[in-house]
C-alpha atoms as a PDB file:
ATOM      1  CA  MET A   1      -0.047  -0.004  -0.012  1.00  0.00           C
ATOM      2  CA  PRO A   2       1.505   3.282  -0.900  1.00  0.00           C
ATOM      3  CA  SER A   3       1.942   5.859   1.818  1.00  0.00           C
ATOM      4  CA  LYS A   4      -0.156   8.501   0.249  1.00  0.00           C
ATOM      5  CA  LEU A   5      -3.188   6.231   0.833  1.00  0.00           C
ATOM      6  CA  ARG A   6      -2.673   5.796   4.499  1.00  0.00           C
ATOM      7  CA  LYS A   7      -4.732   7.736   7.014  1.00  0.00           C
ATOM      8  CA  THR A   8      -1.932   9.106   8.876  1.00  0.00           C
ATOM      9  CA  GLN A   9      -0.353  10.526   5.805  1.00  0.00           C
ATOM     10  CA  ASN A  10      -3.531  12.537   5.082  1.00  0.00           C
ATOM     11  CA  LEU A  11      -4.054  13.610   8.729  1.00  0.00           C
ATOM     12  CA  GLY A  12      -0.478  14.727   9.130  1.00  0.00           C
ATOM     13  CA  SER A  13      -1.228  18.189   7.678  1.00  0.00           C
ATOM     14  CA  HIS A  14      -4.075  18.693  10.166  1.00  0.00           C
ATOM     15  CA  VAL A  15      -3.710  20.256  13.545  1.00  0.00           C
ATOM     16  CA  SER A  16      -5.470  17.719  15.725  1.00  0.00           C
ATOM     17  CA  HIS A  17      -4.640  14.664  13.697  1.00  0.00           C
ATOM     18  CA  GLY A  18      -8.323  13.278  13.679  1.00  0.00           C
ATOM     19  CA  HIS A  19      -8.987  14.029  17.358  1.00  0.00           C
ATOM     20  CA  SER A  20     -10.917  17.169  18.147  1.00  0.00           C
ATOM     21  CA  HIS A  21      -9.473  20.436  19.344  1.00  0.00           C
ATOM     22  CA  LEU A  22     -11.567  20.567  22.580  1.00  0.00           C
ATOM     23  CA  SER A  23     -11.022  17.133  24.120  1.00  0.00           C
ATOM     24  CA  LYS A  24      -7.489  16.478  23.105  1.00  0.00           C
ATOM     25  CA  HIS A  25      -6.085  12.958  22.569  1.00  0.00           C
ATOM     26  CA  ARG A  26      -4.109  12.131  25.663  1.00  0.00           C
ATOM     27  CA  LYS A  27      -2.363   9.060  26.491  1.00  0.00           C
ATOM     28  CA  HIS A  28      -4.282   7.943  29.477  1.00  0.00           C
ATOM     29  CA  PRO A  29      -7.221  10.252  30.094  1.00  0.00           C
ATOM     30  CA  GLU A  30      -9.007   8.097  32.665  1.00  0.00           C
ATOM     31  CA  GLY A  31      -5.926   6.742  34.491  1.00  0.00           C
ATOM     32  CA  GLN A  32      -4.027   3.415  34.217  1.00  0.00           C
ATOM     33  CA  GLY A  33      -5.152   0.038  35.732  1.00  0.00           C
ATOM     34  CA  ASN A  34      -7.433   0.173  38.616  1.00  0.00           C
ATOM     35  CA  ALA A  35      -7.343   4.026  38.864  1.00  0.00           C
ATOM     36  CA  GLY A  36     -10.491   5.956  39.924  1.00  0.00           C
ATOM     37  CA  GLY A  37     -12.381   3.004  41.678  1.00  0.00           C
ATOM     38  CA  MET A  38     -13.340   5.340  44.508  1.00  0.00           C
ATOM     39  CA  TYR A  39     -13.792   8.270  42.318  1.00  0.00           C
ATOM     40  CA  HIS A  40     -14.650   8.554  38.669  1.00  0.00           C
ATOM     41  CA  HIS A  41     -15.175   4.798  38.119  1.00  0.00           C
ATOM     42  CA  ARG A  42     -17.296   4.411  41.283  1.00  0.00           C
ATOM     43  CA  ILE A  43     -20.574   3.293  39.649  1.00  0.00           C
ATOM     44  CA  ASN A  44     -18.821   0.571  37.797  1.00  0.00           C
ATOM     45  CA  SER A  45     -16.918  -0.527  40.977  1.00  0.00           C
ATOM     46  CA  LYS A  46     -19.973  -0.554  43.107  1.00  0.00           C
ATOM     47  CA  LYS A  47     -22.081  -2.410  40.608  1.00  0.00           C
ATOM     48  CA  HIS A  48     -19.687  -5.181  39.669  1.00  0.00           C
ATOM     49  CA  HIS A  49     -17.304  -5.387  42.630  1.00  0.00           C
ATOM     50  CA  PRO A  50     -19.248  -4.188  45.651  1.00  0.00           C
ATOM     51  CA  ARG A  51     -16.937  -5.261  48.562  1.00  0.00           C
ATOM     52  CA  TYR A  52     -13.673  -4.482  46.885  1.00  0.00           C
ATOM     53  CA  PHE A  53     -12.957  -1.426  49.142  1.00  0.00           C
ATOM     54  CA  GLY A  54     -13.206  -1.103  52.875  1.00  0.00           C
ATOM     55  CA  LYS A  55     -12.473  -3.415  55.826  1.00  0.00           C
ATOM     56  CA  ALA A  56     -13.762  -6.848  56.249  1.00  0.00           C
ATOM     57  CA  SER A  57     -12.816  -8.125  59.669  1.00  0.00           C
ATOM     58  CA  MET A  58     -10.391  -7.623  62.473  1.00  0.00           C
ATOM     59  CA  ARG A  59      -6.624  -7.683  61.579  1.00  0.00           C
ATOM     60  CA  GLN A  60      -4.331 -10.338  62.737  1.00  0.00           C
ATOM     61  CA  TYR A  61      -0.811  -8.933  62.498  1.00  0.00           C
ATOM     62  CA  HIS A  62       1.194 -12.040  62.389  1.00  0.00           C
ATOM     63  CA  LEU A  63      -1.073 -14.658  60.803  1.00  0.00           C
ATOM     64  CA  LYS A  64       0.136 -18.191  61.050  1.00  0.00           C
ATOM     65  CA  ARG A  65      -1.904 -20.544  58.851  1.00  0.00           C
ATOM     66  CA  ASN A  66      -0.188 -23.826  59.598  1.00  0.00           C
ATOM     67  CA  PRO A  67      -1.637 -24.382  63.026  1.00  0.00           C
ATOM     68  CA  GLY A  68      -5.109 -24.112  61.824  1.00  0.00           C
ATOM     69  CA  PHE A  69      -4.621 -26.353  58.736  1.00  0.00           C
ATOM     70  CA  CYS A  70      -7.228 -29.152  58.792  1.00  0.00           C
ATOM     71  CA  PRO A  71      -7.629 -30.946  55.426  1.00  0.00           C
ATOM     72  CA  THR A  72     -11.183 -32.429  54.657  1.00  0.00           C
ATOM     73  CA  ILE A  73     -11.718 -36.145  53.871  1.00  0.00           C
ATOM     74  CA  ASN A  74     -14.778 -37.894  52.774  1.00  0.00           C
ATOM     75  CA  HIS A  75     -16.197 -40.664  54.945  1.00  0.00           C
ATOM     76  CA  ASP A  76     -15.967 -43.297  52.192  1.00  0.00           C
ATOM     77  CA  LYS A  77     -12.273 -42.587  52.016  1.00  0.00           C
ATOM     78  CA  LEU A  78     -11.594 -43.054  55.656  1.00  0.00           C
ATOM     79  CA  TRP A  79     -10.821 -46.743  55.900  1.00  0.00           C
ATOM     80  CA  PRO A  80      -7.718 -46.589  53.709  1.00  0.00           C
ATOM     81  CA  VAL A  81      -6.300 -43.930  56.125  1.00  0.00           C
ATOM     82  CA  VAL A  82      -6.872 -46.086  59.142  1.00  0.00           C
ATOM     83  CA  SER A  83      -4.316 -48.815  59.950  1.00  0.00           C
ATOM     84  CA  THR A  84      -5.200 -52.439  59.387  1.00  0.00           C
ATOM     85  CA  GLN A  85      -5.010 -53.400  62.990  1.00  0.00           C
ATOM     86  CA  THR A  86      -7.652 -50.681  63.907  1.00  0.00           C
ATOM     87  CA  TRP A  87      -9.816 -51.919  60.925  1.00  0.00           C
ATOM     88  CA  VAL A  88      -9.728 -55.534  62.288  1.00  0.00           C
ATOM     89  CA  ASN A  89     -10.436 -54.688  65.992  1.00  0.00           C
ATOM     90  CA  GLU A  90     -12.962 -52.028  65.568  1.00  0.00           C
ATOM     91  CA  LEU A  91     -16.182 -52.310  63.471  1.00  0.00           C
ATOM     92  CA  LEU A  92     -16.995 -48.735  64.146  1.00  0.00           C
ATOM     93  CA  LEU A  93     -14.709 -45.903  63.614  1.00  0.00           C
ATOM     94  CA  SER A  94     -15.383 -42.919  65.999  1.00  0.00           C
ATOM     95  CA  LEU A  95     -14.461 -39.753  64.272  1.00  0.00           C
ATOM     96  CA  VAL A  96     -15.244 -37.676  67.393  1.00  0.00           C
ATOM     97  CA  TRP A  97     -12.401 -39.363  69.226  1.00  0.00           C
ATOM     98  CA  CYS A  98     -10.047 -38.576  66.277  1.00  0.00           C
ATOM     99  CA  ASP A  99     -11.307 -35.046  66.207  1.00  0.00           C
ATOM    100  CA  TRP A 100     -11.264 -35.060  62.386  1.00  0.00           C
ATOM    101  CA  VAL A 101     -14.764 -34.388  61.247  1.00  0.00           C
ATOM    102  CA  THR A 102     -17.407 -31.743  62.128  1.00  0.00           C
ATOM    103  CA  ALA A 103     -20.390 -32.032  59.920  1.00  0.00           C
ATOM    104  CA  GLU A 104     -23.949 -30.681  59.758  1.00  0.00           C
ATOM    105  CA  PHE A 105     -25.643 -33.437  57.780  1.00  0.00           C
ATOM    106  CA  TRP A 106     -24.897 -37.205  57.621  1.00  0.00           C
ATOM    107  CA  GLY A 107     -26.642 -39.510  55.188  1.00  0.00           C
ATOM    108  CA  ARG A 108     -28.562 -42.714  56.092  1.00  0.00           C
ATOM    109  CA  GLU A 109     -25.704 -45.078  55.335  1.00  0.00           C
ATOM    110  CA  SER A 110     -23.281 -43.136  57.508  1.00  0.00           C
ATOM    111  CA  SER A 111     -25.408 -42.753  60.488  1.00  0.00           C
ATOM    112  CA  GLN A 112     -26.603 -46.523  60.650  1.00  0.00           C
ATOM    113  CA  GLY A 113     -23.661 -48.408  59.353  1.00  0.00           C
ATOM    114  CA  SER A 114     -19.937 -47.892  59.531  1.00  0.00           C
ATOM    115  CA  LEU A 115     -19.757 -44.653  61.419  1.00  0.00           C
ATOM    116  CA  SER A 116     -20.720 -43.862  64.995  1.00  0.00           C
ATOM    117  CA  LEU A 117     -21.068 -40.213  66.192  1.00  0.00           C
END
């Protein structure tokens, strides 16, 4: 394509180069990134990300996550975790004694059969 047919070639002689005189073409007129979430982009922020700004709870200055680590496990996967000696000796596995599980709902199978709570 010859350079005389390109748009920039034609607009080069004009003062504003295709953008108006009043609202000039600036590099970042509304700010970069997440700028203006509390100010000029507030409506969008409140609508789509309502709890992005502000405090959520009390701060804990030196948060140690390891002591509170407690992985979840399904009740059908419990027997492979338990040793074979325990499996032979006890028909019922008491989860309360192990302090492993706290649950709101238990199915019929778990409450009648293999688990005692």
